[in-house]
Structure formats: structure tokens, C-alpha cells
Amino acid sequence: MSESRTLLLIASSPNPDLLRTPQELGLRVVLAAATRPASADLYDVHLAVDEFDEEAVLAAVRRFLAEGGTVDAVATFHEGALHVAARLSAELGLPGNSQDAVRAMRDKFVTGQRLAAAGVPTPATRIAMTYDQALATAAELGYPLVLKPQASGASQGVTKVADEAELKAAFDNIAGIHTLETFDEGGYSVPNVARVYGYPEAHGVLIQEYVQGDEYAVDFVYGGGEYRLLAIHDKPYPFAEPYFIEGAYATPSVLPAEEQDRLVRTSVAALKALGASVGGAHVELRLTTSGPKIIEVNGRLGGTSAFVQESIRESTGVWGPREYLRAVLGEPVDFTVKPEPTPAGFTPVLADRTGELAGFEGVADAEALPGVVALRWMARAGDHVVIKYPENPVSCFVLVLARGEQRDDVLTALRDAEKLLKPVYAN
């Protein structure tokens, strides 16, 4: 690979391994982001722009090109920048998912329509702009139902409802969720993740049939007509319904090979139905008594700020971000996983109350646990926490990555670390 090739990377990341990957591939990095990384070694050119403002990013990149800059590939690891990455790829004639494919994956109503039309199993999905429409849909589909924003992420607002009273409460929570800048409680304030996970003009309330079954996540890299599996992740613990805040992941899956194959085939059928052609994907499914059903399709690698990709690397030896960048560079999707994957996994550790963080306890003891590979801090002293489920799903202050000889070793390490790591509050 020539060192002269230039990657336009839209949006930064708290994950240093992610930001090192382009340079490890010999790429010159032009980073379009509001804040530059602490280390200047992680990029070559910084375009100071709000990465989630599509028109601002377009203007900044066009200026860069007009001044003699070049771009050989466009990439982003962030959900909120997928649409502008697609627009720039199309404008520059470079490999990448189309704007239509990105919309089909980010707008969950469009996802449901496209999958149903293609015969890919997915929950019955409707959209409501008013509560009367929600009531009519409930009468059509029957309870229980799941309500969620038409476009968001991190399980924001996602709620299971069992009757009309719960339907009304969930609808009211979700209907205006995109309009809020912050979530506030008792003098504490945190940003609304809808600002970066939302999608323009996709502000309805999605209403879906509730699907019973264990949930799994499947990660892919794809390009040139090839859809290559990175890993299947089990979610070993049930959700704390009626909400669906993500918990632990465990890799590789312990499902029988036949069931794993069904998850992969259904996921690939979904990606093709949505027009996904170049990039990464994180597909979530539930395995029902009649087979897998697609819950959602994310048009980017899973958890690049979390430990999804690190868990895959610990397990299979493959670094998904590297393979994704190779795909958008137009290179063949061709990698080999370990024949016997190593058990690995991660878990978020959640704060237990609203307040201001003063620090954390149990850090050294958690790091010393057998099997614990790394901690990644998602909060720091001085940050606020606002526990306000389900509209604000963000209360994770640290992530724990572990590996072991057996899956039980991994899960034990994660549970023990979670017991040790505690936030200390300033009040």
C-alpha cells in the first residue's frame, strides 16, 4: 500500500487503537472533527468542523480539495457521521455505501419496510406521528409491543409496553426526544445522544411487535460482493425489561453451528436487501422458535468506542477496523480468523445514581483480576451522571474487557470487575 494514499476520517474517537489503524496501514490521515485528538501523531491534517453537521463537513472538505488536497478513501466509525461519509464518497467517486443504503439502515422504519418487502424475517413494524396513530397500531398488532425512536442509537427510548397506559407513557417519552439538547435532573446535566445518533427528518415513533428469544449481535466487513463474518456475539444475560440497555457480550458464540449459520445467512440477506455494499455492519437479531428475526442493522462496525472490536480481536485475531478501512480503499475483503477462537468478552459498568463523579474505586483490584485485559473509561472526575431511563440510556462510566480459557472464566472476570469498580460522587 502506497504511503501517498490519503484517508478522510470523519469524527474522532476516544479509542486510540482505532485512530492508530489508518497510519498502521501507511495512510495519510485527514481528520474532520470538532476536537483534535490529544496526540498529534494520530492524524496529519485536522479539519476543525462539527463532524455531525453535514453541510459544514462538506464545505470543509471541499475547501481542503480546492486548496490542493487529495482524498483516496472516506471512512467513519461513528453512526452519526455515516450519512455525510456516504455523500462524500458518492461526490468523490470513491468506494462506500450509498446514501440510500445508509438511510435504509439508520432509519429503522425504512429498515422494516425494506426487509419485509424482501422477505427477510423482522418484527412487524409501523410508524406513528401521533398518539392516535399509535393506538390504532396497538389495536392492529396487539400487546406486548416495543416502542423506539425512528432513528437513534444506544437503545435510546426503547421500551416494551404491555397496555394502553404504558403505550401512552412510552410514546410521550419518545415523541419529542430529538428536540432536547440535554437531560437535566437536580442541577445535573448530560448531552442528549439523539444529537449524534438521530437522522434528519426521521422523528417518528416506531412501533414493533415484541419478539421473544435470545438476542445476538453479528459483525461483518463487506465489499466487492463479499460479506465476511468477523464474529457472532452472544448476549449472555437477559435485558432488564421493559428497557433494553446493552449489557455483557461474549465471543465466540456457543450456539450450535447450524444456528450460527442461520444468523449469518439472515444477516447477509438483510444487508443485501438494504443495499449495503461497502463497509462494516453490526446486525442485531433475536433467535425465535421459528428462526432468526432482524431487530436492527447498523451500517458501521459494532462498538468502536466500546470493546466490541477488541473482543473480536482477542477472540479471533482479526482487527475489524483494519479490514473496514481496506474495504473502503477498494481492496478485497479477505481475512482469516483463528481456527479455534479464544473466549473473550466485555461488559459496561453502570453508575447507580444521578450526581457528579469525583473519582472511582476498585480500579487497581479490578485490573489485577485474572482474565481482565483492559479498562476503558467512558467518564472522568467532574462529569455528571443523569439516570433517566429510557430517554437517556448513557450511564456507563467504564468498560471491562476480558479473555480466558473458557467462557466461564471470561464471565467470572467481568462479574468480579463489575463488583469492584464503583463511582465516587462529589455530593
Protein backbone atom coordinates (compact mmCIF):
# COMPACT_ATOMS: atom_id res chain seq x y z
CA MET A 1 0.00 0.00 0.00
CA SER A 2 1.40 3.38 -1.01
CA GLU A 3 2.07 5.89 1.75
CA SER A 4 0.77 8.61 -0.54
CA ARG A 5 -2.84 7.47 -0.17
CA THR A 6 -4.97 9.81 1.92
CA LEU A 7 -7.87 8.77 4.14
CA LEU A 8 -10.57 11.28 5.07
CA LEU A 9 -11.73 10.14 8.52
CA ILE A 10 -14.92 11.81 9.75
CA ALA A 11 -15.33 12.03 13.55
CA SER A 12 -12.73 11.34 16.19
CA SER A 13 -12.88 8.63 18.87
CA PRO A 14 -11.80 8.04 22.47
CA ASN A 15 -10.31 4.76 21.24
CA PRO A 16 -6.60 5.29 20.44
CA ASP A 17 -6.25 1.88 18.75
CA LEU A 18 -8.93 2.94 16.29
CA LEU A 19 -7.16 6.17 15.41
CA ARG A 20 -3.79 4.41 15.03
CA THR A 21 -5.13 1.93 12.49
CA PRO A 22 -5.02 4.21 9.39
CA GLN A 23 -1.40 5.09 9.99
CA GLU A 24 -0.54 1.45 10.61
CA LEU A 25 -1.85 0.90 7.07
CA GLY A 26 0.51 3.58 5.78
CA LEU A 27 -2.25 6.13 5.19
CA ARG A 28 -2.08 9.87 5.49
CA VAL A 29 -5.00 10.91 7.71
CA VAL A 30 -7.20 13.97 7.23
CA LEU A 31 -9.45 14.13 10.30
CA ALA A 32 -12.71 16.09 10.13
CA ALA A 33 -13.77 16.60 13.74
CA ALA A 34 -14.65 19.38 16.14
CA THR A 35 -11.90 18.40 18.57
CA ARG A 36 -8.49 17.11 17.59
CA PRO A 37 -7.05 14.08 19.43
CA ALA A 38 -4.64 14.76 22.28
CA SER A 39 -1.83 13.14 20.31
CA ALA A 40 -0.85 14.88 17.08
CA ASP A 41 0.68 11.58 15.92
CA LEU A 42 -2.82 10.24 15.19
CA TYR A 43 -3.54 12.50 12.20
CA ASP A 44 -1.78 14.56 9.54
CA VAL A 45 -4.36 17.27 8.83
CA HIS A 46 -7.17 18.43 11.12
CA LEU A 47 -10.29 20.00 9.63
CA ALA A 48 -11.88 21.77 12.60
CA VAL A 49 -15.58 21.20 11.94
CA ASP A 50 -18.63 19.77 13.72
CA GLU A 51 -18.49 16.22 12.38
CA PHE A 52 -22.25 15.82 12.77
CA ASP A 53 -23.11 18.93 10.73
CA GLU A 54 -23.35 17.55 7.21
CA GLU A 55 -23.16 20.85 5.35
CA ALA A 56 -20.26 22.09 7.47
CA VAL A 57 -18.27 18.91 6.81
CA LEU A 58 -18.97 19.12 3.08
CA ALA A 59 -17.82 22.74 2.98
CA ALA A 60 -14.62 21.98 4.92
CA VAL A 61 -13.70 19.04 2.70
CA ARG A 62 -14.41 20.99 -0.47
CA ARG A 63 -12.12 23.79 0.76
CA PHE A 64 -9.41 21.24 1.51
CA LEU A 65 -9.69 19.83 -2.01
CA ALA A 66 -9.80 23.28 -3.63
CA GLU A 67 -6.55 24.13 -1.87
CA GLY A 68 -4.80 21.15 -3.45
CA GLY A 69 -5.64 18.37 -1.00
CA THR A 70 -6.46 14.86 -2.15
CA VAL A 71 -8.69 12.11 -0.76
CA ASP A 72 -8.40 8.44 -1.74
CA ALA A 73 -10.94 6.98 0.68
CA VAL A 74 -13.65 8.16 3.07
CA ALA A 75 -14.36 6.44 6.38
CA THR A 76 -16.13 6.93 9.66
CA PHE A 77 -16.50 4.74 12.72
CA HIS A 78 -19.40 6.78 14.10
CA GLU A 79 -23.10 6.23 13.46
CA GLY A 80 -23.85 9.94 13.37
CA ALA A 81 -21.41 10.63 10.53
CA LEU A 82 -22.41 7.78 8.21
CA HIS A 83 -24.68 9.92 6.05
CA VAL A 84 -22.07 12.60 5.35
CA ALA A 85 -19.45 9.91 4.66
CA ALA A 86 -21.79 8.36 2.10
CA ARG A 87 -22.46 11.72 0.49
CA LEU A 88 -18.74 12.48 0.19
CA SER A 89 -17.92 9.00 -1.15
CA ALA A 90 -20.52 9.50 -3.88
CA GLU A 91 -19.33 13.03 -4.66
CA LEU A 92 -15.71 11.90 -4.96
CA GLY A 93 -16.46 8.64 -6.77
CA LEU A 94 -14.91 6.52 -4.00
CA PRO A 95 -15.99 3.15 -2.53
CA GLY A 96 -18.63 3.34 0.17
CA ASN A 97 -22.25 2.69 0.97
CA SER A 98 -24.74 4.80 -0.96
CA GLN A 99 -26.78 7.50 0.75
CA ASP A 100 -29.88 5.37 0.14
CA ALA A 101 -28.29 2.35 1.86
CA VAL A 102 -27.25 4.47 4.83
CA ARG A 103 -30.78 5.84 5.16
CA ALA A 104 -32.18 2.31 4.93
CA MET A 105 -30.00 1.20 7.84
CA ARG A 106 -30.24 4.32 10.02
CA ASP A 107 -33.98 4.95 9.62
CA LYS A 108 -35.50 1.96 11.40
CA PHE A 109 -38.87 2.41 9.71
CA VAL A 110 -37.24 2.19 6.28
CA THR A 111 -35.29 -0.83 7.55
CA GLY A 112 -38.51 -2.62 8.46
CA GLN A 113 -40.17 -1.78 5.14
CA ARG A 114 -37.24 -2.91 3.02
CA LEU A 115 -36.71 -6.14 4.94
CA ALA A 116 -40.39 -7.05 4.87
CA ALA A 117 -40.55 -6.38 1.13
CA ALA A 118 -37.51 -8.63 0.59
CA GLY A 119 -38.93 -11.42 2.74
CA VAL A 120 -36.22 -11.11 5.40
CA PRO A 121 -37.67 -12.06 8.83
CA THR A 122 -38.12 -8.98 11.02
CA PRO A 123 -40.73 -7.77 13.54
CA ALA A 124 -43.90 -6.21 12.14
CA THR A 125 -43.07 -2.50 12.12
CA ARG A 126 -45.25 0.58 11.94
CA ILE A 127 -44.65 4.29 12.50
CA ALA A 128 -46.75 6.78 14.44
CA MET A 129 -46.54 10.55 14.35
CA THR A 130 -49.49 10.98 16.74
CA TYR A 131 -50.75 9.09 19.75
CA ASP A 132 -53.97 8.24 17.92
CA GLN A 133 -51.89 6.51 15.26
CA ALA A 134 -50.03 4.64 18.00
CA LEU A 135 -53.34 3.47 19.48
CA ALA A 136 -54.53 2.26 16.09
CA THR A 137 -51.29 0.34 15.57
CA ALA A 138 -51.57 -1.26 19.01
CA ALA A 139 -55.07 -2.43 18.10
CA GLU A 140 -53.72 -3.90 14.87
CA LEU A 141 -50.59 -5.64 16.23
CA GLY A 142 -51.68 -6.38 19.80
CA TYR A 143 -49.64 -6.18 23.01
CA PRO A 144 -46.86 -6.51 24.03
CA LEU A 145 -45.15 -4.01 21.74
CA VAL A 146 -41.79 -2.28 21.56
CA LEU A 147 -41.59 1.49 21.01
CA LYS A 148 -38.41 3.24 19.89
CA PRO A 149 -37.31 6.39 18.05
CA GLN A 150 -37.44 6.15 14.28
CA ALA A 151 -33.72 6.88 14.25
CA SER A 152 -31.36 6.91 17.22
CA GLY A 153 -28.85 4.63 18.91
CA ALA A 154 -27.61 3.18 22.21
CA SER A 155 -31.12 1.78 22.92
CA GLN A 156 -32.35 5.33 23.49
CA GLY A 157 -36.03 5.38 24.40
CA VAL A 158 -36.58 1.71 23.56
CA THR A 159 -39.40 0.43 25.77
CA LYS A 160 -41.56 -2.66 25.96
CA VAL A 161 -45.23 -1.83 26.66
CA ALA A 162 -48.00 -4.15 27.81
CA ASP A 163 -51.10 -1.95 27.80
CA GLU A 164 -52.54 1.42 26.80
CA ALA A 165 -51.20 3.30 29.83
CA GLU A 166 -47.64 2.10 29.13
CA LEU A 167 -48.11 2.88 25.43
CA LYS A 168 -49.02 6.49 26.25
CA ALA A 169 -46.06 6.96 28.61
CA ALA A 170 -43.55 5.48 26.14
CA PHE A 171 -44.99 7.43 23.20
CA ASP A 172 -44.78 10.72 25.10
CA ASN A 173 -41.16 9.96 26.13
CA ILE A 174 -40.06 9.25 22.57
CA ALA A 175 -42.11 11.72 20.53
CA GLY A 176 -40.05 14.78 21.39
CA ILE A 177 -36.78 13.12 22.31
CA HIS A 178 -34.90 14.59 19.33
CA THR A 179 -35.71 18.17 20.37
CA LEU A 180 -33.83 18.08 23.69
CA GLU A 181 -30.27 19.36 23.95
CA THR A 182 -29.66 17.88 27.39
CA PHE A 183 -31.20 15.71 30.08
CA ASP A 184 -31.35 17.51 33.42
CA GLU A 185 -32.14 16.46 36.94
CA GLY A 186 -31.38 18.03 40.31
CA GLY A 187 -28.89 20.51 38.87
CA TYR A 188 -27.01 17.87 36.85
CA SER A 189 -26.96 17.83 33.06
CA VAL A 190 -25.76 15.48 30.30
CA PRO A 191 -25.95 15.80 26.49
CA ASN A 192 -28.76 14.13 24.60
CA VAL A 193 -27.26 11.35 22.45
CA ALA A 194 -30.02 11.95 19.88
CA ARG A 195 -27.96 14.87 18.62
CA VAL A 196 -25.39 12.50 17.16
CA TYR A 197 -27.48 9.35 16.68
CA GLY A 198 -30.57 10.94 15.16
CA TYR A 199 -31.27 11.24 11.44
CA PRO A 200 -32.63 14.31 9.63
CA GLU A 201 -36.41 14.32 9.32
CA ALA A 202 -36.76 10.85 10.88
CA HIS A 203 -38.59 11.85 14.03
CA GLY A 204 -41.49 9.44 14.27
CA VAL A 205 -42.17 6.82 16.94
CA LEU A 206 -41.54 3.28 15.76
CA ILE A 207 -43.95 0.60 16.96
CA GLN A 208 -42.93 -3.03 16.61
CA GLU A 209 -44.25 -6.41 17.60
CA TYR A 210 -42.37 -7.78 20.60
CA VAL A 211 -40.18 -10.70 19.59
CA GLN A 212 -39.34 -13.40 22.11
CA GLY A 213 -35.97 -15.12 22.03
CA ASP A 214 -32.33 -14.67 22.97
CA GLU A 215 -30.53 -11.78 21.29
CA TYR A 216 -27.26 -11.93 19.34
CA ALA A 217 -25.03 -9.45 17.53
CA VAL A 218 -23.17 -10.24 14.31
CA ASP A 219 -20.32 -8.13 12.91
CA PHE A 220 -19.30 -8.03 9.25
CA VAL A 221 -16.94 -6.33 6.84
CA TYR A 222 -18.08 -6.32 3.21
CA GLY A 223 -17.09 -5.12 -0.22
CA GLY A 224 -16.76 -6.37 -3.79
CA GLY A 225 -19.78 -8.61 -3.32
CA GLU A 226 -18.20 -10.40 -0.34
CA TYR A 227 -19.82 -10.31 3.13
CA ARG A 228 -17.26 -11.63 5.60
CA LEU A 229 -18.11 -12.55 9.17
CA LEU A 230 -15.96 -11.06 11.91
CA ALA A 231 -17.78 -12.67 14.85
CA ILE A 232 -21.07 -13.64 16.41
CA HIS A 233 -21.53 -12.26 19.93
CA ASP A 234 -23.79 -13.85 22.49
CA LYS A 235 -25.57 -11.59 24.96
CA PRO A 236 -25.40 -13.93 27.95
CA TYR A 237 -27.73 -12.04 30.29
CA PRO A 238 -31.35 -11.05 29.63
CA PHE A 239 -32.30 -7.40 29.27
CA ALA A 240 -33.79 -5.65 32.29
CA GLU A 241 -37.12 -5.19 30.52
CA PRO A 242 -39.07 -3.03 29.87
CA TYR A 243 -35.81 -1.34 28.79
CA PHE A 244 -33.06 -2.71 26.56
CA ILE A 245 -29.83 -1.18 27.85
CA GLU A 246 -26.90 -3.19 26.49
CA GLY A 247 -25.01 -5.46 28.89
CA ALA A 248 -22.24 -8.01 28.51
CA TYR A 249 -21.07 -9.50 25.21
CA ALA A 250 -19.36 -12.89 24.94
CA THR A 251 -17.42 -14.09 21.89
CA PRO A 252 -17.37 -16.58 20.19
CA SER A 253 -20.96 -17.74 20.25
CA VAL A 254 -21.72 -21.07 21.90
CA LEU A 255 -24.76 -21.64 19.70
CA PRO A 256 -24.76 -24.84 17.64
CA ALA A 257 -23.13 -24.37 14.22
CA GLU A 258 -26.46 -24.72 12.42
CA GLU A 259 -28.00 -21.87 14.41
CA GLN A 260 -24.93 -19.70 13.88
CA ASP A 261 -25.20 -20.30 10.15
CA ARG A 262 -28.85 -19.20 10.22
CA LEU A 263 -27.89 -15.97 12.00
CA VAL A 264 -25.22 -15.25 9.39
CA ARG A 265 -27.41 -16.07 6.38
CA THR A 266 -30.27 -13.92 7.70
CA SER A 267 -27.90 -11.03 8.41
CA VAL A 268 -26.35 -11.15 4.94
CA ALA A 269 -29.82 -11.27 3.37
CA ALA A 270 -30.70 -8.14 5.36
CA LEU A 271 -27.54 -6.30 4.30
CA LYS A 272 -28.23 -7.09 0.64
CA ALA A 273 -31.88 -6.06 0.95
CA LEU A 274 -30.82 -2.70 2.39
CA GLY A 275 -28.24 -2.07 -0.33
CA ALA A 276 -25.16 -2.33 1.92
CA SER A 277 -22.23 -2.81 -0.47
CA VAL A 278 -19.01 -1.43 1.07
CA GLY A 279 -18.22 -1.04 4.76
CA GLY A 280 -18.84 -2.63 8.14
CA ALA A 281 -22.05 -3.71 9.85
CA HIS A 282 -23.31 -4.67 13.28
CA VAL A 283 -26.53 -6.66 12.98
CA GLU A 284 -28.75 -7.48 15.96
CA LEU A 285 -31.14 -10.42 15.85
CA ARG A 286 -33.36 -12.46 18.11
CA LEU A 287 -33.46 -16.21 17.70
CA THR A 288 -37.13 -17.20 17.86
CA THR A 289 -38.75 -20.63 17.75
CA SER A 290 -39.27 -20.07 14.01
CA GLY A 291 -35.73 -18.84 13.35
CA PRO A 292 -33.78 -15.55 13.45
CA LYS A 293 -35.51 -12.19 13.15
CA ILE A 294 -33.62 -8.99 12.42
CA ILE A 295 -34.04 -6.37 15.17
CA GLU A 296 -31.83 -3.72 13.58
CA VAL A 297 -28.98 -3.28 11.12
CA ASN A 298 -26.26 -0.78 11.98
CA GLY A 299 -24.27 0.33 8.95
CA ARG A 300 -20.95 0.51 10.78
CA LEU A 301 -18.72 -1.72 12.86
CA GLY A 302 -20.08 -2.54 16.27
CA GLY A 303 -18.94 -0.67 19.34
CA THR A 304 -15.80 1.09 18.17
CA SER A 305 -15.87 3.23 21.31
CA ALA A 306 -16.90 0.22 23.37
CA PHE A 307 -14.91 -3.02 23.36
CA VAL A 308 -16.77 -4.87 20.59
CA GLN A 309 -13.85 -4.81 18.18
CA GLU A 310 -11.28 -5.55 20.88
CA SER A 311 -13.36 -8.54 21.99
CA ILE A 312 -13.34 -9.79 18.39
CA ARG A 313 -9.56 -9.28 18.17
CA GLU A 314 -8.93 -11.12 21.45
CA SER A 315 -11.14 -13.95 20.22
CA THR A 316 -10.33 -14.32 16.53
CA GLY A 317 -7.11 -12.37 15.97
CA VAL A 318 -8.82 -10.09 13.42
CA TRP A 319 -8.96 -6.30 13.90
CA GLY A 320 -12.23 -5.20 12.29
CA PRO A 321 -11.31 -1.52 11.82
CA ARG A 322 -8.31 -2.50 9.69
CA GLU A 323 -10.47 -4.69 7.45
CA TYR A 324 -13.14 -1.98 7.17
CA LEU A 325 -10.53 0.54 6.02
CA ARG A 326 -9.23 -1.92 3.47
CA ALA A 327 -12.79 -2.29 2.13
CA VAL A 328 -13.30 1.47 1.66
CA LEU A 329 -9.88 1.62 -0.01
CA GLY A 330 -11.29 -0.77 -2.60
CA GLU A 331 -9.14 -3.71 -1.52
CA PRO A 332 -10.50 -7.29 -1.43
CA VAL A 333 -12.27 -8.35 1.75
CA ASP A 334 -10.01 -11.24 2.67
CA PHE A 335 -9.01 -12.15 6.22
CA THR A 336 -8.59 -15.31 8.26
CA VAL A 337 -9.89 -15.86 11.77
CA LYS A 338 -8.23 -18.23 14.23
CA PRO A 339 -9.47 -21.82 13.69
CA GLU A 340 -10.19 -22.10 17.43
CA PRO A 341 -11.32 -18.66 18.69
CA THR A 342 -10.38 -17.70 22.24
CA PRO A 343 -13.23 -16.91 24.64
CA ALA A 344 -13.43 -13.15 25.21
CA GLY A 345 -15.99 -10.54 26.12
CA PHE A 346 -16.72 -7.22 27.71
CA THR A 347 -19.24 -5.50 29.91
CA PRO A 348 -20.26 -1.92 30.63
CA VAL A 349 -20.28 -0.89 34.29
CA LEU A 350 -23.13 1.48 35.04
CA ALA A 351 -23.38 4.31 37.54
CA ASP A 352 -26.04 3.79 40.17
CA ARG A 353 -27.40 7.30 40.71
CA THR A 354 -27.55 10.86 39.44
CA GLY A 355 -24.74 13.14 40.59
CA GLU A 356 -21.27 14.49 39.86
CA LEU A 357 -18.42 12.00 39.63
CA ALA A 358 -15.47 12.69 41.94
CA GLY A 359 -13.47 9.58 41.09
CA PHE A 360 -13.61 5.78 41.09
CA GLU A 361 -12.70 3.00 43.48
CA GLY A 362 -11.61 -0.59 42.95
CA VAL A 363 -9.51 0.23 39.88
CA ALA A 364 -6.25 -1.49 40.86
CA ASP A 365 -8.06 -4.55 42.19
CA ALA A 366 -10.13 -4.86 39.01
CA GLU A 367 -7.08 -4.51 36.77
CA ALA A 368 -5.33 -7.27 38.76
CA LEU A 369 -8.14 -9.80 38.30
CA PRO A 370 -7.21 -12.93 36.32
CA GLY A 371 -8.55 -12.57 32.80
CA VAL A 372 -9.06 -8.81 32.79
CA VAL A 373 -7.30 -7.37 29.74
CA ALA A 374 -8.18 -3.67 29.87
CA LEU A 375 -10.46 -0.96 31.22
CA ARG A 376 -11.74 1.87 29.07
CA TRP A 377 -13.00 4.96 30.89
CA MET A 378 -16.17 6.45 29.46
CA ALA A 379 -16.38 9.14 32.16
CA ARG A 380 -13.98 11.08 34.34
CA ALA A 381 -13.99 13.07 37.55
CA GLY A 382 -16.16 16.16 37.16
CA ASP A 383 -18.59 14.56 34.72
CA HIS A 384 -22.28 14.46 35.52
CA VAL A 385 -24.46 11.35 35.52
CA VAL A 386 -28.22 11.61 35.00
CA ILE A 387 -30.10 8.34 35.49
CA LYS A 388 -33.15 8.86 33.35
CA TYR A 389 -34.12 5.65 31.57
CA PRO A 390 -35.10 5.07 28.86
CA GLU A 391 -34.77 8.50 27.24
CA ASN A 392 -31.16 8.83 28.44
CA PRO A 393 -29.52 5.40 28.11
CA VAL A 394 -25.99 6.60 28.93
CA SER A 395 -24.73 5.83 32.42
CA CYS A 396 -21.70 3.63 31.67
CA PHE A 397 -18.58 5.01 33.35
CA VAL A 398 -16.15 2.22 32.43
CA LEU A 399 -15.94 -0.82 30.16
CA VAL A 400 -14.14 -4.03 31.10
CA LEU A 401 -12.52 -6.35 28.53
CA ALA A 402 -11.60 -9.92 29.48
CA ARG A 403 -10.44 -13.20 27.98
CA GLY A 404 -9.99 -16.72 29.31
CA GLU A 405 -9.51 -20.36 28.50
CA GLN A 406 -13.23 -20.98 28.97
CA ARG A 407 -16.28 -18.75 28.63
CA ASP A 408 -16.99 -19.11 32.35
CA ASP A 409 -13.54 -17.64 33.06
CA VAL A 410 -14.46 -14.57 30.99
CA LEU A 411 -17.86 -14.08 32.58
CA THR A 412 -16.41 -14.54 36.07
CA ALA A 413 -13.75 -11.89 35.41
CA LEU A 414 -16.38 -9.47 34.11
CA ARG A 415 -18.71 -10.03 37.07
CA ASP A 416 -15.89 -9.69 39.60
CA ALA A 417 -14.65 -6.47 37.99
CA GLU A 418 -18.16 -5.04 37.97
CA LYS A 419 -18.45 -5.68 41.70
CA LEU A 420 -15.15 -3.92 42.41
CA LEU A 421 -15.49 -0.82 40.19
CA LYS A 422 -17.61 1.85 41.85
CA PRO A 423 -18.12 5.56 41.17
CA VAL A 424 -17.37 8.02 43.94
CA TYR A 425 -19.65 11.04 43.95
CA ALA A 426 -18.82 14.62 44.80
CA ASN A 427 -22.07 15.08 46.71
